[in-house]
Amino acid sequence: MKGEAKRVKKQGVYDACKAKVVDIQEAYDEFVNEIEEYKGLLTKLIAECDPNDEQDKHLLVVANLQRNTTNGLINTLDTDIHDDLTRLSDRVIRFKHWEDGLFV
């Protein structure tokens, strides 16, 4: 009976870990989508600005800098952070297999 209770408790921990990883992945996807939308708005703003207009010149500089920053952020998210999320998810799966006695 004690072994079964311990197993149920560990299963609860695994389920909580898995749920948190799913939450993190969903937040990541939402973050990427928001950045892409912001980049799209900046691109539209840049296209609508008149480079010969004095007021638009400053806006163009700032919008281009912001768009470059979003490009860098997206590249970071697509590489380093995406890879870390994949490893995080893989490790939760390995944890589950270890608990089941299937981990090799």
PDB file of N, CA and C in Angstrom:
ATOM      1  N   MET A   1       0.818  -1.196   0.000  1.00  0.00           N
ATOM      2  CA  MET A   1       0.000   0.000   0.000  1.00  0.00           C
ATOM      3  C   MET A   1       0.866   1.266   0.000  1.00  0.00           C
ATOM      4  N   LYS A   2       1.954   1.247   0.778  1.00  0.00           N
ATOM      5  CA  LYS A   2       2.825   2.422   0.821  1.00  0.00           C
ATOM      6  C   LYS A   2       3.438   2.695  -0.547  1.00  0.00           C
ATOM      7  N   GLY A   3       3.849   1.630  -1.230  1.00  0.00           N
ATOM      8  CA  GLY A   3       4.452   1.783  -2.560  1.00  0.00           C
ATOM      9  C   GLY A   3       3.494   2.419  -3.543  1.00  0.00           C
ATOM     10  N   GLU A   4       2.234   2.018  -3.482  1.00  0.00           N
ATOM     11  CA  GLU A   4       1.221   2.571  -4.386  1.00  0.00           C
ATOM     12  C   GLU A   4       0.975   4.054  -4.081  1.00  0.00           C
ATOM     13  N   ALA A   5       0.919   4.409  -2.802  1.00  0.00           N
ATOM     14  CA  ALA A   5       0.710   5.812  -2.420  1.00  0.00           C
ATOM     15  C   ALA A   5       1.888   6.664  -2.890  1.00  0.00           C
ATOM     16  N   LYS A   6       3.085   6.118  -2.758  1.00  0.00           N
ATOM     17  CA  LYS A   6       4.280   6.844  -3.198  1.00  0.00           C
ATOM     18  C   LYS A   6       4.253   7.035  -4.713  1.00  0.00           C
ATOM     19  N   ARG A   7       3.815   6.000  -5.420  1.00  0.00           N
ATOM     20  CA  ARG A   7       3.739   6.065  -6.880  1.00  0.00           C
ATOM     21  C   ARG A   7       2.693   7.112  -7.306  1.00  0.00           C
ATOM     22  N   VAL A   8       1.555   7.139  -6.627  1.00  0.00           N
ATOM     23  CA  VAL A   8       0.507   8.115  -6.937  1.00  0.00           C
ATOM     24  C   VAL A   8       1.023   9.529  -6.689  1.00  0.00           C
ATOM     25  N   LYS A   9       1.773   9.715  -5.599  1.00  0.00           N
ATOM     26  CA  LYS A   9       2.336  11.033  -5.292  1.00  0.00           C
ATOM     27  C   LYS A   9       3.325  11.453  -6.373  1.00  0.00           C
ATOM     28  N   LYS A  10       4.180  10.528  -6.801  1.00  0.00           N
ATOM     29  CA  LYS A  10       5.149  10.840  -7.857  1.00  0.00           C
ATOM     30  C   LYS A  10       4.435  11.133  -9.176  1.00  0.00           C
ATOM     31  N   GLN A  11       3.365  10.404  -9.443  1.00  0.00           N
ATOM     32  CA  GLN A  11       2.597  10.650 -10.662  1.00  0.00           C
ATOM     33  C   GLN A  11       2.016  12.064 -10.634  1.00  0.00           C
ATOM     34  N   GLY A  12       1.570  12.495  -9.460  1.00  0.00           N
ATOM     35  CA  GLY A  12       1.051  13.858  -9.321  1.00  0.00           C
ATOM     36  C   GLY A  12       2.113  14.904  -9.598  1.00  0.00           C
ATOM     37  N   VAL A  13       3.338  14.646  -9.135  1.00  0.00           N
ATOM     38  CA  VAL A  13       4.453  15.559  -9.394  1.00  0.00           C
ATOM     39  C   VAL A  13       4.759  15.587 -10.891  1.00  0.00           C
ATOM     40  N   TYR A  14       4.792  14.418 -11.504  1.00  0.00           N
ATOM     41  CA  TYR A  14       5.030  14.356 -12.951  1.00  0.00           C
ATOM     42  C   TYR A  14       3.956  15.136 -13.704  1.00  0.00           C
ATOM     43  N   ASP A  15       2.698  14.906 -13.344  1.00  0.00           N
ATOM     44  CA  ASP A  15       1.602  15.606 -14.030  1.00  0.00           C
ATOM     45  C   ASP A  15       1.724  17.115 -13.869  1.00  0.00           C
ATOM     46  N   ALA A  16       2.115  17.571 -12.677  1.00  0.00           N
ATOM     47  CA  ALA A  16       2.301  19.006 -12.436  1.00  0.00           C
ATOM     48  C   ALA A  16       3.451  19.546 -13.286  1.00  0.00           C
ATOM     49  N   CYS A  17       4.546  18.791 -13.367  1.00  0.00           N
ATOM     50  CA  CYS A  17       5.690  19.209 -14.198  1.00  0.00           C
ATOM     51  C   CYS A  17       5.281  19.291 -15.663  1.00  0.00           C
ATOM     52  N   LYS A  18       4.587  18.286 -16.128  1.00  0.00           N
ATOM     53  CA  LYS A  18       4.151  18.260 -17.522  1.00  0.00           C
ATOM     54  C   LYS A  18       3.230  19.445 -17.818  1.00  0.00           C
ATOM     55  N   ALA A  19       2.310  19.732 -16.911  1.00  0.00           N
ATOM     56  CA  ALA A  19       1.391  20.861 -17.103  1.00  0.00           C
ATOM     57  C   ALA A  19       2.156  22.186 -17.164  1.00  0.00           C
ATOM     58  N   LYS A  20       3.167  22.341 -16.330  1.00  0.00           N
ATOM     59  CA  LYS A  20       3.953  23.582 -16.339  1.00  0.00           C
ATOM     60  C   LYS A  20       4.723  23.719 -17.647  1.00  0.00           C
ATOM     61  N   VAL A  21       5.261  22.614 -18.151  1.00  0.00           N
ATOM     62  CA  VAL A  21       5.981  22.664 -19.427  1.00  0.00           C
ATOM     63  C   VAL A  21       5.020  23.072 -20.545  1.00  0.00           C
ATOM     64  N   VAL A  22       3.827  22.540 -20.531  1.00  0.00           N
ATOM     65  CA  VAL A  22       2.819  22.922 -21.531  1.00  0.00           C
ATOM     66  C   VAL A  22       2.493  24.411 -21.398  1.00  0.00           C
ATOM     67  N   ASP A  23       2.321  24.898 -20.173  1.00  0.00           N
ATOM     68  CA  ASP A  23       2.063  26.324 -19.944  1.00  0.00           C
ATOM     69  C   ASP A  23       3.200  27.180 -20.495  1.00  0.00           C
ATOM     70  N   ILE A  24       4.432  26.766 -20.236  1.00  0.00           N
ATOM     71  CA  ILE A  24       5.600  27.510 -20.716  1.00  0.00           C
ATOM     72  C   ILE A  24       5.621  27.526 -22.237  1.00  0.00           C
ATOM     73  N   GLN A  25       5.348  26.389 -22.856  1.00  0.00           N
ATOM     74  CA  GLN A  25       5.348  26.322 -24.316  1.00  0.00           C
ATOM     75  C   GLN A  25       4.243  27.190 -24.920  1.00  0.00           C
ATOM     76  N   GLU A  26       3.085  27.203 -24.294  1.00  0.00           N
ATOM     77  CA  GLU A  26       1.993  28.051 -24.788  1.00  0.00           C
ATOM     78  C   GLU A  26       2.328  29.528 -24.624  1.00  0.00           C
ATOM     79  N   ALA A  27       2.949  29.891 -23.516  1.00  0.00           N
ATOM     80  CA  ALA A  27       3.360  31.283 -23.305  1.00  0.00           C
ATOM     81  C   ALA A  27       4.417  31.683 -24.331  1.00  0.00           C
ATOM     82  N   TYR A  28       5.331  30.773 -24.622  1.00  0.00           N
ATOM     83  CA  TYR A  28       6.361  31.017 -25.642  1.00  0.00           C
ATOM     84  C   TYR A  28       5.701  31.287 -26.995  1.00  0.00           C
ATOM     85  N   ASP A  29       4.749  30.424 -27.381  1.00  0.00           N
ATOM     86  CA  ASP A  29       4.065  30.601 -28.662  1.00  0.00           C
ATOM     87  C   ASP A  29       3.335  31.945 -28.723  1.00  0.00           C
ATOM     88  N   GLU A  30       2.675  32.306 -27.639  1.00  0.00           N
ATOM     89  CA  GLU A  30       1.959  33.583 -27.577  1.00  0.00           C
ATOM     90  C   GLU A  30       2.935  34.756 -27.683  1.00  0.00           C
ATOM     91  N   PHE A  31       4.065  34.651 -26.997  1.00  0.00           N
ATOM     92  CA  PHE A  31       5.092  35.691 -27.035  1.00  0.00           C
ATOM     93  C   PHE A  31       5.613  35.878 -28.464  1.00  0.00           C
ATOM     94  N   VAL A  32       5.918  34.775 -29.135  1.00  0.00           N
ATOM     95  CA  VAL A  32       6.404  34.845 -30.520  1.00  0.00           C
ATOM     96  C   VAL A  32       5.346  35.482 -31.415  1.00  0.00           C
ATOM     97  N   ASN A  33       4.090  35.086 -31.241  1.00  0.00           N
ATOM     98  CA  ASN A  33       3.013  35.659 -32.064  1.00  0.00           C
ATOM     99  C   ASN A  33       2.882  37.165 -31.850  1.00  0.00           C
ATOM    100  N   GLU A  34       2.970  37.612 -30.599  1.00  0.00           N
ATOM    101  CA  GLU A  34       2.871  39.047 -30.300  1.00  0.00           C
ATOM    102  C   GLU A  34       4.033  39.822 -30.935  1.00  0.00           C
ATOM    103  N   ILE A  35       5.212  39.265 -30.883  1.00  0.00           N
ATOM    104  CA  ILE A  35       6.374  39.924 -31.495  1.00  0.00           C
ATOM    105  C   ILE A  35       6.200  40.009 -33.003  1.00  0.00           C
ATOM    106  N   GLU A  36       5.720  38.925 -33.610  1.00  0.00           N
ATOM    107  CA  GLU A  36       5.482  38.929 -35.061  1.00  0.00           C
ATOM    108  C   GLU A  36       4.441  39.989 -35.443  1.00  0.00           C
ATOM    109  N   GLU A  37       3.391  40.120 -34.641  1.00  0.00           N
ATOM    110  CA  GLU A  37       2.368  41.140 -34.904  1.00  0.00           C
ATOM    111  C   GLU A  37       2.965  42.542 -34.784  1.00  0.00           C
ATOM    112  N   TYR A  38       3.778  42.750 -33.757  1.00  0.00           N
ATOM    113  CA  TYR A  38       4.423  44.051 -33.563  1.00  0.00           C
ATOM    114  C   TYR A  38       5.339  44.366 -34.744  1.00  0.00           C
ATOM    115  N   LYS A  39       6.086  43.382 -35.182  1.00  0.00           N
ATOM    116  CA  LYS A  39       6.979  43.564 -36.330  1.00  0.00           C
ATOM    117  C   LYS A  39       6.156  43.923 -37.573  1.00  0.00           C
ATOM    118  N   GLY A  40       5.009  43.285 -37.738  1.00  0.00           N
ATOM    119  CA  GLY A  40       4.136  43.600 -38.873  1.00  0.00           C
ATOM    120  C   GLY A  40       3.632  45.035 -38.828  1.00  0.00           C
ATOM    121  N   LEU A  41       3.265  45.494 -37.634  1.00  0.00           N
ATOM    122  CA  LEU A  41       2.828  46.883 -37.486  1.00  0.00           C
ATOM    123  C   LEU A  41       3.954  47.862 -37.809  1.00  0.00           C
ATOM    124  N   LEU A  42       5.152  47.543 -37.359  1.00  0.00           N
ATOM    125  CA  LEU A  42       6.301  48.405 -37.660  1.00  0.00           C
ATOM    126  C   LEU A  42       6.574  48.448 -39.157  1.00  0.00           C
ATOM    127  N   THR A  43       6.476  47.308 -39.807  1.00  0.00           N
ATOM    128  CA  THR A  43       6.698  47.239 -41.257  1.00  0.00           C
ATOM    129  C   THR A  43       5.667  48.091 -41.990  1.00  0.00           C
ATOM    130  N   LYS A  44       4.421  48.012 -41.531  1.00  0.00           N
ATOM    131  CA  LYS A  44       3.356  48.829 -42.138  1.00  0.00           C
ATOM    132  C   LYS A  44       3.625  50.320 -41.905  1.00  0.00           C
ATOM    133  N   LEU A  45       4.032  50.666 -40.706  1.00  0.00           N
ATOM    134  CA  LEU A  45       4.345  52.058 -40.378  1.00  0.00           C
ATOM    135  C   LEU A  45       5.486  52.579 -41.248  1.00  0.00           C
ATOM    136  N   ILE A  46       6.515  51.771 -41.419  1.00  0.00           N
ATOM    137  CA  ILE A  46       7.660  52.155 -42.241  1.00  0.00           C
ATOM    138  C   ILE A  46       7.215  52.390 -43.687  1.00  0.00           C
ATOM    139  N   ALA A  47       6.373  51.507 -44.191  1.00  0.00           N
ATOM    140  CA  ALA A  47       5.905  51.631 -45.573  1.00  0.00           C
ATOM    141  C   ALA A  47       5.060  52.894 -45.777  1.00  0.00           C
ATOM    142  N   GLU A  48       4.353  53.326 -44.741  1.00  0.00           N
ATOM    143  CA  GLU A  48       3.467  54.479 -44.863  1.00  0.00           C
ATOM    144  C   GLU A  48       4.175  55.816 -44.608  1.00  0.00           C
ATOM    145  N   CYS A  49       5.368  55.786 -44.085  1.00  0.00           N
ATOM    146  CA  CYS A  49       6.099  57.030 -43.796  1.00  0.00           C
ATOM    147  C   CYS A  49       6.690  57.626 -45.067  1.00  0.00           C
ATOM    148  N   ASP A  50       6.782  58.929 -45.067  1.00  0.00           N
ATOM    149  CA  ASP A  50       7.400  59.654 -46.178  1.00  0.00           C
ATOM    150  C   ASP A  50       8.818  60.021 -45.765  1.00  0.00           C
ATOM    151  N   PRO A  51       9.831  59.430 -46.397  1.00  0.00           N
ATOM    152  CA  PRO A  51      11.215  59.715 -46.005  1.00  0.00           C
ATOM    153  C   PRO A  51      11.630  61.171 -46.253  1.00  0.00           C
ATOM    154  N   ASN A  52      10.853  61.900 -47.009  1.00  0.00           N
ATOM    155  CA  ASN A  52      11.159  63.306 -47.276  1.00  0.00           C
ATOM    156  C   ASN A  52      10.507  64.246 -46.265  1.00  0.00           C
ATOM    157  N   ASP A  53       9.590  63.719 -45.475  1.00  0.00           N
ATOM    158  CA  ASP A  53       8.904  64.518 -44.470  1.00  0.00           C
ATOM    159  C   ASP A  53       9.753  64.553 -43.203  1.00  0.00           C
ATOM    160  N   GLU A  54      10.000  65.731 -42.665  1.00  0.00           N
ATOM    161  CA  GLU A  54      10.874  65.885 -41.484  1.00  0.00           C
ATOM    162  C   GLU A  54      10.343  65.140 -40.268  1.00  0.00           C
ATOM    163  N   GLN A  55       9.050  65.195 -40.061  1.00  0.00           N
ATOM    164  CA  GLN A  55       8.477  64.496 -38.903  1.00  0.00           C
ATOM    165  C   GLN A  55       8.546  62.979 -39.067  1.00  0.00           C
ATOM    166  N   ASP A  56       8.387  62.512 -40.288  1.00  0.00           N
ATOM    167  CA  ASP A  56       8.439  61.078 -40.547  1.00  0.00           C
ATOM    168  C   ASP A  56       9.855  60.515 -40.461  1.00  0.00           C
ATOM    169  N   LYS A  57      10.856  61.350 -40.693  1.00  0.00           N
ATOM    170  CA  LYS A  57      12.241  60.862 -40.659  1.00  0.00           C
ATOM    171  C   LYS A  57      12.582  60.254 -39.292  1.00  0.00           C
ATOM    172  N   HIS A  58      12.239  60.964 -38.233  1.00  0.00           N
ATOM    173  CA  HIS A  58      12.527  60.453 -36.889  1.00  0.00           C
ATOM    174  C   HIS A  58      11.737  59.164 -36.642  1.00  0.00           C
ATOM    175  N   LEU A  59      10.491  59.159 -37.051  1.00  0.00           N
ATOM    176  CA  LEU A  59       9.648  57.979 -36.898  1.00  0.00           C
ATOM    177  C   LEU A  59      10.239  56.787 -37.657  1.00  0.00           C
ATOM    178  N   LEU A  60      10.746  57.024 -38.843  1.00  0.00           N
ATOM    179  CA  LEU A  60      11.371  55.962 -39.636  1.00  0.00           C
ATOM    180  C   LEU A  60      12.589  55.378 -38.926  1.00  0.00           C
ATOM    181  N   VAL A  61      13.414  56.232 -38.356  1.00  0.00           N
ATOM    182  CA  VAL A  61      14.603  55.763 -37.642  1.00  0.00           C
ATOM    183  C   VAL A  61      14.197  54.872 -36.469  1.00  0.00           C
ATOM    184  N   VAL A  62      13.275  55.349 -35.665  1.00  0.00           N
ATOM    185  CA  VAL A  62      12.838  54.592 -34.490  1.00  0.00           C
ATOM    186  C   VAL A  62      12.157  53.285 -34.909  1.00  0.00           C
ATOM    187  N   ALA A  63      11.289  53.344 -35.902  1.00  0.00           N
ATOM    188  CA  ALA A  63      10.583  52.139 -36.356  1.00  0.00           C
ATOM    189  C   ALA A  63      11.559  51.110 -36.909  1.00  0.00           C
ATOM    190  N   ASN A  64      12.563  51.566 -37.657  1.00  0.00           N
ATOM    191  CA  ASN A  64      13.571  50.633 -38.185  1.00  0.00           C
ATOM    192  C   ASN A  64      14.391  50.002 -37.061  1.00  0.00           C
ATOM    193  N   LEU A  65      14.752  50.802 -36.065  1.00  0.00           N
ATOM    194  CA  LEU A  65      15.496  50.248 -34.921  1.00  0.00           C
ATOM    195  C   LEU A  65      14.650  49.219 -34.174  1.00  0.00           C
ATOM    196  N   GLN A  66      13.382  49.545 -33.977  1.00  0.00           N
ATOM    197  CA  GLN A  66      12.484  48.613 -33.293  1.00  0.00           C
ATOM    198  C   GLN A  66      12.310  47.323 -34.097  1.00  0.00           C
ATOM    199  N   ARG A  67      12.173  47.459 -35.397  1.00  0.00           N
ATOM    200  CA  ARG A  67      12.009  46.265 -36.241  1.00  0.00           C
ATOM    201  C   ARG A  67      13.273  45.407 -36.210  1.00  0.00           C
ATOM    202  N   ASN A  68      14.436  46.047 -36.241  1.00  0.00           N
ATOM    203  CA  ASN A  68      15.695  45.294 -36.135  1.00  0.00           C
ATOM    204  C   ASN A  68      15.778  44.564 -34.797  1.00  0.00           C
ATOM    205  N   THR A  69      15.326  45.230 -33.737  1.00  0.00           N
ATOM    206  CA  THR A  69      15.321  44.604 -32.409  1.00  0.00           C
ATOM    207  C   THR A  69      14.379  43.405 -32.384  1.00  0.00           C
ATOM    208  N   THR A  70      13.201  43.548 -32.989  1.00  0.00           N
ATOM    209  CA  THR A  70      12.269  42.414 -33.016  1.00  0.00           C
ATOM    210  C   THR A  70      12.844  41.259 -33.831  1.00  0.00           C
ATOM    211  N   ASN A  71      13.550  41.566 -34.921  1.00  0.00           N
ATOM    212  CA  ASN A  71      14.200  40.505 -35.706  1.00  0.00           C
ATOM    213  C   ASN A  71      15.213  39.745 -34.854  1.00  0.00           C
ATOM    214  N   GLY A  72      16.018  40.478 -34.101  1.00  0.00           N
ATOM    215  CA  GLY A  72      16.995  39.839 -33.229  1.00  0.00           C
ATOM    216  C   GLY A  72      16.330  38.999 -32.159  1.00  0.00           C
ATOM    217  N   LEU A  73      15.259  39.518 -31.596  1.00  0.00           N
ATOM    218  CA  LEU A  73      14.526  38.781 -30.563  1.00  0.00           C
ATOM    219  C   LEU A  73      13.915  37.502 -31.132  1.00  0.00           C
ATOM    220  N   ILE A  74      13.331  37.598 -32.306  1.00  0.00           N
ATOM    221  CA  ILE A  74      12.739  36.417 -32.944  1.00  0.00           C
ATOM    222  C   ILE A  74      13.820  35.378 -33.243  1.00  0.00           C
ATOM    223  N   ASN A  75      14.971  35.825 -33.729  1.00  0.00           N
ATOM    224  CA  ASN A  75      16.070  34.879 -33.991  1.00  0.00           C
ATOM    225  C   ASN A  75      16.504  34.174 -32.711  1.00  0.00           C
ATOM    226  N   THR A  76      16.596  34.916 -31.625  1.00  0.00           N
ATOM    227  CA  THR A  76      16.963  34.312 -30.337  1.00  0.00           C
ATOM    228  C   THR A  76      15.903  33.317 -29.894  1.00  0.00           C
ATOM    229  N   LEU A  77      14.636  33.702 -30.026  1.00  0.00           N
ATOM    230  CA  LEU A  77      13.544  32.811 -29.625  1.00  0.00           C
ATOM    231  C   LEU A  77      13.509  31.549 -30.484  1.00  0.00           C
ATOM    232  N   ASP A  78      13.774  31.704 -31.771  1.00  0.00           N
ATOM    233  CA  ASP A  78      13.725  30.557 -32.685  1.00  0.00           C
ATOM    234  C   ASP A  78      14.887  29.594 -32.490  1.00  0.00           C
ATOM    235  N   THR A  79      15.973  30.056 -31.916  1.00  0.00           N
ATOM    236  CA  THR A  79      17.135  29.177 -31.768  1.00  0.00           C
ATOM    237  C   THR A  79      17.321  28.773 -30.312  1.00  0.00           C
ATOM    238  N   ASP A  80      17.947  29.621 -29.545  1.00  0.00           N
ATOM    239  CA  ASP A  80      18.334  29.275 -28.173  1.00  0.00           C
ATOM    240  C   ASP A  80      17.146  28.872 -27.296  1.00  0.00           C
ATOM    241  N   ILE A  81      16.139  29.711 -27.246  1.00  0.00           N
ATOM    242  CA  ILE A  81      15.019  29.444 -26.343  1.00  0.00           C
ATOM    243  C   ILE A  81      14.190  28.263 -26.841  1.00  0.00           C
ATOM    244  N   HIS A  82      13.978  28.168 -28.137  1.00  0.00           N
ATOM    245  CA  HIS A  82      13.228  27.031 -28.677  1.00  0.00           C
ATOM    246  C   HIS A  82      13.944  25.722 -28.359  1.00  0.00           C
ATOM    247  N   ASP A  83      15.262  25.707 -28.517  1.00  0.00           N
ATOM    248  CA  ASP A  83      16.038  24.503 -28.195  1.00  0.00           C
ATOM    249  C   ASP A  83      15.919  24.156 -26.717  1.00  0.00           C
ATOM    250  N   ASP A  84      15.963  25.168 -25.851  1.00  0.00           N
ATOM    251  CA  ASP A  84      15.818  24.924 -24.412  1.00  0.00           C
ATOM    252  C   ASP A  84      14.436  24.367 -24.091  1.00  0.00           C
ATOM    253  N   LEU A  85      13.400  24.883 -24.743  1.00  0.00           N
ATOM    254  CA  LEU A  85      12.051  24.363 -24.515  1.00  0.00           C
ATOM    255  C   LEU A  85      11.932  22.911 -24.962  1.00  0.00           C
ATOM    256  N   THR A  86      12.570  22.584 -26.071  1.00  0.00           N
ATOM    257  CA  THR A  86      12.565  21.197 -26.543  1.00  0.00           C
ATOM    258  C   THR A  86      13.236  20.293 -25.529  1.00  0.00           C
ATOM    259  N   ARG A  87      14.384  20.731 -25.015  1.00  0.00           N
ATOM    260  CA  ARG A  87      15.080  19.930 -23.997  1.00  0.00           C
ATOM    261  C   ARG A  87      14.241  19.811 -22.735  1.00  0.00           C
ATOM    262  N   LEU A  88      13.583  20.872 -22.340  1.00  0.00           N
ATOM    263  CA  LEU A  88      12.738  20.848 -21.154  1.00  0.00           C
ATOM    264  C   LEU A  88      11.625  19.818 -21.318  1.00  0.00           C
ATOM    265  N   SER A  89      10.974  19.833 -22.454  1.00  0.00           N
ATOM    266  CA  SER A  89       9.903  18.885 -22.736  1.00  0.00           C
ATOM    267  C   SER A  89      10.438  17.454 -22.773  1.00  0.00           C
ATOM    268  N   ASP A  90      11.579  17.250 -23.429  1.00  0.00           N
ATOM    269  CA  ASP A  90      12.185  15.919 -23.499  1.00  0.00           C
ATOM    270  C   ASP A  90      12.516  15.385 -22.116  1.00  0.00           C
ATOM    271  N   ARG A  91      12.997  16.245 -21.247  1.00  0.00           N
ATOM    272  CA  ARG A  91      13.376  15.807 -19.900  1.00  0.00           C
ATOM    273  C   ARG A  91      12.162  15.423 -19.075  1.00  0.00           C
ATOM    274  N   VAL A  92      11.045  16.104 -19.273  1.00  0.00           N
ATOM    275  CA  VAL A  92       9.824  15.719 -18.565  1.00  0.00           C
ATOM    276  C   VAL A  92       9.381  14.339 -19.047  1.00  0.00           C
ATOM    277  N   ILE A  93       9.502  14.090 -20.347  1.00  0.00           N
ATOM    278  CA  ILE A  93       9.147  12.780 -20.885  1.00  0.00           C
ATOM    279  C   ILE A  93      10.077  11.709 -20.312  1.00  0.00           C
ATOM    280  N   ARG A  94      11.376  12.009 -20.239  1.00  0.00           N
ATOM    281  CA  ARG A  94      12.330  11.046 -19.666  1.00  0.00           C
ATOM    282  C   ARG A  94      12.023  10.778 -18.203  1.00  0.00           C
ATOM    283  N   PHE A  95      11.655  11.816 -17.473  1.00  0.00           N
ATOM    284  CA  PHE A  95      11.291  11.662 -16.071  1.00  0.00           C
ATOM    285  C   PHE A  95      10.133  10.680 -15.951  1.00  0.00           C
ATOM    286  N   LYS A  96       9.145  10.822 -16.824  1.00  0.00           N
ATOM    287  CA  LYS A  96       7.990   9.932 -16.796  1.00  0.00           C
ATOM    288  C   LYS A  96       8.426   8.499 -17.065  1.00  0.00           C
ATOM    289  N   HIS A  97       9.273   8.290 -18.072  1.00  0.00           N
ATOM    290  CA  HIS A  97       9.733   6.937 -18.375  1.00  0.00           C
ATOM    291  C   HIS A  97      10.546   6.360 -17.236  1.00  0.00           C
ATOM    292  N   TRP A  98      11.330   7.183 -16.568  1.00  0.00           N
ATOM    293  CA  TRP A  98      12.104   6.719 -15.416  1.00  0.00           C
ATOM    294  C   TRP A  98      11.154   6.255 -14.321  1.00  0.00           C
ATOM    295  N   GLU A  99      10.105   7.023 -14.091  1.00  0.00           N
ATOM    296  CA  GLU A  99       9.119   6.658 -13.075  1.00  0.00           C
ATOM    297  C   GLU A  99       8.412   5.353 -13.436  1.00  0.00           C
ATOM    298  N   ASP A 100       8.196   5.130 -14.721  1.00  0.00           N
ATOM    299  CA  ASP A 100       7.530   3.900 -15.165  1.00  0.00           C
ATOM    300  C   ASP A 100       8.468   2.717 -15.207  1.00  0.00           C
ATOM    301  N   GLY A 101       9.763   2.970 -14.998  1.00  0.00           N
ATOM    302  CA  GLY A 101      10.742   1.903 -15.072  1.00  0.00           C
ATOM    303  C   GLY A 101      11.153   1.589 -16.505  1.00  0.00           C
ATOM    304  N   LEU A 102      10.833   2.501 -17.430  1.00  0.00           N
ATOM    305  CA  LEU A 102      11.142   2.278 -18.836  1.00  0.00           C
ATOM    306  C   LEU A 102      12.350   3.072 -19.322  1.00  0.00           C
ATOM    307  N   PHE A 103      12.899   3.895 -18.447  1.00  0.00           N
ATOM    308  CA  PHE A 103      14.011   4.778 -18.841  1.00  0.00           C
ATOM    309  C   PHE A 103      15.249   3.951 -19.156  1.00  0.00           C
ATOM    310  N   VAL A 104      15.821   4.180 -20.303  1.00  0.00           N
ATOM    311  CA  VAL A 104      17.027   3.440 -20.724  1.00  0.00           C
ATOM    312  C   VAL A 104      18.223   4.341 -20.611  1.00  0.00           C
TER     313      VAL A 104
END
